[in-house]
Amino acid sequence: MNDEITTTVGREFYSFDGRILEIFGGGPIRFHIRHMYVRVTSPDRKGKRVVEIGHGRPEFRGRCHIWRYTAEEWEQAPGLAALLEAVRAAIDAA
């Protein structure tokens, strides 16, 4: 992957270049695909989703960051799902 994928969700800006995921907002956070995991829950009955991105692997977790999105926030950021899917694919390929 050579193209950068970006999206904005509320006050946060997500950028993924194929190896590094960066999230800018309160404080910048960086993740490398060889040392991270991503979990996205299915929507609950109200449409809320939880995104968990952490350093390490789920079985050997380091620090993790959790974002909770309402159905409206998720729908207003269609690029977020595509970006997270690209990150997952890169993690699986690494």
N, C-alpha and C. Protein backbone atom coordinates (compact mmCIF):
# COMPACT_ATOMS: atom_id res chain seq x y z
N MET A 1 0.84 -1.18 0.00
CA MET A 1 0.00 0.00 0.00
C MET A 1 0.88 1.24 0.00
N ASN A 2 0.65 2.12 -0.94
CA ASN A 2 1.47 3.31 -1.05
C ASN A 2 0.71 4.58 -0.78
N ASP A 3 -0.60 4.53 -0.81
CA ASP A 3 -1.41 5.72 -0.64
C ASP A 3 -1.81 5.89 0.82
N GLU A 4 -1.79 7.12 1.25
CA GLU A 4 -2.22 7.44 2.60
C GLU A 4 -3.75 7.50 2.64
N ILE A 5 -4.32 6.93 3.69
CA ILE A 5 -5.75 6.99 3.92
C ILE A 5 -5.96 7.90 5.12
N THR A 6 -6.88 8.83 4.99
CA THR A 6 -7.17 9.73 6.11
C THR A 6 -8.67 9.85 6.30
N THR A 7 -9.04 10.18 7.52
CA THR A 7 -10.44 10.49 7.83
C THR A 7 -10.47 11.33 9.09
N THR A 8 -11.53 12.07 9.22
CA THR A 8 -11.73 12.89 10.42
C THR A 8 -13.00 12.43 11.12
N VAL A 9 -12.89 12.25 12.42
CA VAL A 9 -14.04 11.87 13.24
C VAL A 9 -14.08 12.84 14.40
N GLY A 10 -15.08 13.71 14.41
CA GLY A 10 -15.15 14.72 15.46
C GLY A 10 -13.91 15.58 15.45
N ARG A 11 -13.20 15.60 16.58
CA ARG A 11 -11.98 16.39 16.69
C ARG A 11 -10.73 15.60 16.36
N GLU A 12 -10.88 14.34 15.97
CA GLU A 12 -9.73 13.49 15.73
C GLU A 12 -9.49 13.28 14.24
N PHE A 13 -8.22 13.28 13.87
CA PHE A 13 -7.79 13.06 12.50
C PHE A 13 -7.00 11.76 12.46
N TYR A 14 -7.42 10.81 11.64
CA TYR A 14 -6.76 9.52 11.49
C TYR A 14 -5.97 9.52 10.18
N SER A 15 -4.76 8.99 10.21
CA SER A 15 -3.92 8.90 9.03
C SER A 15 -3.24 7.53 9.03
N PHE A 16 -3.32 6.81 7.90
CA PHE A 16 -2.67 5.50 7.79
C PHE A 16 -1.93 5.44 6.46
N ASP A 17 -0.63 5.16 6.52
CA ASP A 17 0.20 5.13 5.31
C ASP A 17 0.56 3.72 4.86
N GLY A 18 -0.04 2.71 5.47
CA GLY A 18 0.27 1.33 5.13
C GLY A 18 1.10 0.63 6.19
N ARG A 19 1.78 1.40 7.03
CA ARG A 19 2.58 0.83 8.12
C ARG A 19 2.30 1.51 9.45
N ILE A 20 2.08 2.80 9.42
CA ILE A 20 1.90 3.58 10.65
C ILE A 20 0.49 4.18 10.68
N LEU A 21 -0.20 3.94 11.78
CA LEU A 21 -1.48 4.59 12.03
C LEU A 21 -1.22 5.71 13.02
N GLU A 22 -1.62 6.91 12.66
CA GLU A 22 -1.48 8.06 13.54
C GLU A 22 -2.85 8.65 13.79
N ILE A 23 -3.07 9.04 15.03
CA ILE A 23 -4.33 9.66 15.41
C ILE A 23 -4.00 10.96 16.12
N PHE A 24 -4.50 12.05 15.56
CA PHE A 24 -4.25 13.37 16.11
C PHE A 24 -5.55 13.90 16.69
N GLY A 25 -5.46 14.52 17.82
CA GLY A 25 -6.64 15.08 18.48
C GLY A 25 -6.16 15.69 19.79
N GLY A 26 -6.45 15.02 20.90
CA GLY A 26 -5.96 15.48 22.19
C GLY A 26 -4.45 15.47 22.25
N GLY A 27 -3.87 14.35 21.93
CA GLY A 27 -2.42 14.19 21.85
C GLY A 27 -2.15 13.17 20.77
N PRO A 28 -1.12 13.35 19.97
CA PRO A 28 -0.88 12.40 18.88
C PRO A 28 -0.52 11.01 19.40
N ILE A 29 -1.05 10.01 18.71
CA ILE A 29 -0.79 8.61 19.06
C ILE A 29 -0.33 7.92 17.79
N ARG A 30 0.72 7.09 17.90
CA ARG A 30 1.23 6.36 16.74
C ARG A 30 1.26 4.87 17.03
N PHE A 31 0.91 4.09 16.01
CA PHE A 31 0.94 2.64 16.10
C PHE A 31 1.62 2.10 14.85
N HIS A 32 2.44 1.07 15.02
CA HIS A 32 3.05 0.37 13.88
C HIS A 32 2.33 -0.95 13.71
N ILE A 33 2.08 -1.36 12.45
CA ILE A 33 1.29 -2.56 12.20
C ILE A 33 1.91 -3.83 12.78
N ARG A 34 3.20 -3.85 12.99
CA ARG A 34 3.83 -5.05 13.55
C ARG A 34 3.72 -5.11 15.07
N HIS A 35 3.18 -4.06 15.66
CA HIS A 35 3.08 -4.03 17.12
C HIS A 35 1.76 -3.37 17.53
N MET A 36 0.66 -3.89 16.97
CA MET A 36 -0.63 -3.31 17.32
C MET A 36 -1.75 -4.29 17.01
N TYR A 37 -2.90 -4.01 17.54
CA TYR A 37 -4.11 -4.76 17.21
C TYR A 37 -5.28 -3.79 17.15
N VAL A 38 -6.30 -4.20 16.43
CA VAL A 38 -7.51 -3.38 16.27
C VAL A 38 -8.72 -4.27 16.52
N ARG A 39 -9.63 -3.77 17.32
CA ARG A 39 -10.91 -4.46 17.54
C ARG A 39 -12.02 -3.44 17.34
N VAL A 40 -13.04 -3.85 16.60
CA VAL A 40 -14.22 -3.01 16.40
C VAL A 40 -15.43 -3.87 16.70
N THR A 41 -16.25 -3.42 17.63
CA THR A 41 -17.44 -4.20 17.97
C THR A 41 -18.51 -4.01 16.91
N SER A 42 -19.40 -4.95 16.85
CA SER A 42 -20.60 -4.79 16.02
C SER A 42 -21.48 -3.77 16.72
N PRO A 43 -22.36 -3.12 15.97
CA PRO A 43 -23.22 -2.14 16.63
C PRO A 43 -24.14 -2.80 17.64
N ASP A 44 -24.32 -2.11 18.78
CA ASP A 44 -25.28 -2.62 19.76
C ASP A 44 -26.69 -2.25 19.30
N ARG A 45 -27.68 -2.48 20.13
CA ARG A 45 -29.07 -2.24 19.69
C ARG A 45 -29.35 -0.77 19.43
N LYS A 46 -28.51 0.13 19.94
CA LYS A 46 -28.66 1.56 19.66
C LYS A 46 -27.70 2.04 18.57
N GLY A 47 -26.94 1.11 18.02
CA GLY A 47 -26.01 1.46 16.95
C GLY A 47 -24.64 1.90 17.40
N LYS A 48 -24.39 1.87 18.70
CA LYS A 48 -23.08 2.29 19.21
C LYS A 48 -22.02 1.24 18.91
N ARG A 49 -20.81 1.71 18.64
CA ARG A 49 -19.67 0.83 18.39
C ARG A 49 -18.50 1.24 19.28
N VAL A 50 -17.65 0.27 19.56
CA VAL A 50 -16.45 0.52 20.33
C VAL A 50 -15.25 0.13 19.47
N VAL A 51 -14.29 1.03 19.37
CA VAL A 51 -13.05 0.77 18.64
C VAL A 51 -11.93 0.74 19.67
N GLU A 52 -11.20 -0.37 19.68
CA GLU A 52 -10.05 -0.52 20.58
C GLU A 52 -8.81 -0.73 19.73
N ILE A 53 -7.84 0.13 19.93
CA ILE A 53 -6.57 0.03 19.23
C ILE A 53 -5.49 -0.01 20.30
N GLY A 54 -4.65 -1.02 20.23
CA GLY A 54 -3.65 -1.16 21.28
C GLY A 54 -2.27 -1.51 20.75
N HIS A 55 -1.30 -1.20 21.56
CA HIS A 55 0.08 -1.58 21.27
C HIS A 55 0.25 -3.03 21.68
N GLY A 56 1.04 -3.78 20.95
CA GLY A 56 1.25 -5.19 21.24
C GLY A 56 0.23 -6.03 20.52
N ARG A 57 -0.10 -7.16 21.08
CA ARG A 57 -1.10 -8.07 20.54
C ARG A 57 -2.16 -8.29 21.62
N PRO A 58 -3.36 -8.71 21.25
CA PRO A 58 -4.40 -8.89 22.27
C PRO A 58 -3.98 -9.79 23.42
N GLU A 59 -3.20 -10.82 23.13
CA GLU A 59 -2.77 -11.73 24.20
C GLU A 59 -1.61 -11.17 25.02
N PHE A 60 -0.85 -10.22 24.48
CA PHE A 60 0.26 -9.57 25.19
C PHE A 60 0.10 -8.06 25.05
N ARG A 61 -0.95 -7.57 25.64
CA ARG A 61 -1.33 -6.19 25.45
C ARG A 61 -0.43 -5.21 26.15
N GLY A 62 -0.23 -4.12 25.45
CA GLY A 62 0.40 -2.96 26.03
C GLY A 62 -0.70 -1.95 26.30
N ARG A 63 -0.37 -0.71 26.17
CA ARG A 63 -1.36 0.34 26.37
C ARG A 63 -2.38 0.31 25.24
N CYS A 64 -3.67 0.45 25.58
CA CYS A 64 -4.69 0.47 24.54
C CYS A 64 -5.52 1.74 24.67
N HIS A 65 -6.11 2.11 23.56
CA HIS A 65 -6.95 3.31 23.48
C HIS A 65 -8.33 2.86 23.02
N ILE A 66 -9.35 3.38 23.65
CA ILE A 66 -10.71 2.98 23.34
C ILE A 66 -11.52 4.21 22.99
N TRP A 67 -12.23 4.10 21.86
CA TRP A 67 -13.13 5.16 21.41
C TRP A 67 -14.53 4.56 21.32
N ARG A 68 -15.51 5.32 21.76
CA ARG A 68 -16.91 4.90 21.67
C ARG A 68 -17.63 5.84 20.72
N TYR A 69 -18.27 5.28 19.72
CA TYR A 69 -18.95 6.07 18.71
C TYR A 69 -20.44 5.76 18.71
N THR A 70 -21.24 6.81 18.69
CA THR A 70 -22.68 6.63 18.53
C THR A 70 -22.95 6.25 17.08
N ALA A 71 -24.16 5.78 16.82
CA ALA A 71 -24.53 5.44 15.44
C ALA A 71 -24.38 6.65 14.53
N GLU A 72 -24.76 7.81 15.02
CA GLU A 72 -24.66 9.03 14.22
C GLU A 72 -23.21 9.39 13.90
N GLU A 73 -22.34 9.30 14.90
CA GLU A 73 -20.92 9.60 14.68
C GLU A 73 -20.31 8.63 13.67
N TRP A 74 -20.67 7.34 13.79
CA TRP A 74 -20.14 6.32 12.88
C TRP A 74 -20.59 6.59 11.45
N GLU A 75 -21.85 6.94 11.28
CA GLU A 75 -22.39 7.22 9.95
C GLU A 75 -21.79 8.49 9.35
N GLN A 76 -21.45 9.47 10.18
CA GLN A 76 -20.88 10.72 9.69
C GLN A 76 -19.40 10.59 9.36
N ALA A 77 -18.81 9.44 9.63
CA ALA A 77 -17.39 9.20 9.34
C ALA A 77 -17.25 7.91 8.53
N PRO A 78 -17.80 7.87 7.31
CA PRO A 78 -17.75 6.63 6.53
C PRO A 78 -16.33 6.17 6.22
N GLY A 79 -15.38 7.09 6.18
CA GLY A 79 -14.00 6.72 5.92
C GLY A 79 -13.34 5.97 7.06
N LEU A 80 -13.90 6.06 8.26
CA LEU A 80 -13.30 5.39 9.41
C LEU A 80 -13.33 3.87 9.26
N ALA A 81 -14.47 3.33 8.86
CA ALA A 81 -14.57 1.87 8.70
C ALA A 81 -13.59 1.38 7.64
N ALA A 82 -13.46 2.09 6.54
CA ALA A 82 -12.53 1.70 5.48
C ALA A 82 -11.08 1.79 5.96
N LEU A 83 -10.77 2.84 6.71
CA LEU A 83 -9.41 3.00 7.24
C LEU A 83 -9.09 1.86 8.20
N LEU A 84 -9.99 1.54 9.11
CA LEU A 84 -9.74 0.47 10.08
C LEU A 84 -9.62 -0.88 9.38
N GLU A 85 -10.39 -1.09 8.32
CA GLU A 85 -10.28 -2.33 7.56
C GLU A 85 -8.93 -2.42 6.86
N ALA A 86 -8.44 -1.31 6.34
CA ALA A 86 -7.11 -1.28 5.72
C ALA A 86 -6.02 -1.58 6.75
N VAL A 87 -6.19 -1.04 7.96
CA VAL A 87 -5.22 -1.31 9.03
C VAL A 87 -5.23 -2.79 9.38
N ARG A 88 -6.42 -3.37 9.53
CA ARG A 88 -6.52 -4.80 9.85
C ARG A 88 -5.86 -5.65 8.77
N ALA A 89 -6.12 -5.32 7.51
CA ALA A 89 -5.52 -6.08 6.40
C ALA A 89 -4.00 -5.98 6.44
N ALA A 90 -3.47 -4.82 6.75
CA ALA A 90 -2.02 -4.64 6.83
C ALA A 90 -1.44 -5.43 8.01
N ILE A 91 -2.15 -5.45 9.12
CA ILE A 91 -1.70 -6.23 10.29
C ILE A 91 -1.65 -7.71 9.91
N ASP A 92 -2.71 -8.20 9.26
CA ASP A 92 -2.77 -9.62 8.88
C ASP A 92 -1.67 -9.99 7.88
N ALA A 93 -1.33 -9.05 6.99
CA ALA A 93 -0.31 -9.30 5.99
C ALA A 93 1.12 -9.21 6.54
N ALA A 94 1.28 -8.54 7.67
CA ALA A 94 2.62 -8.32 8.23
C ALA A 94 3.19 -9.58 8.86
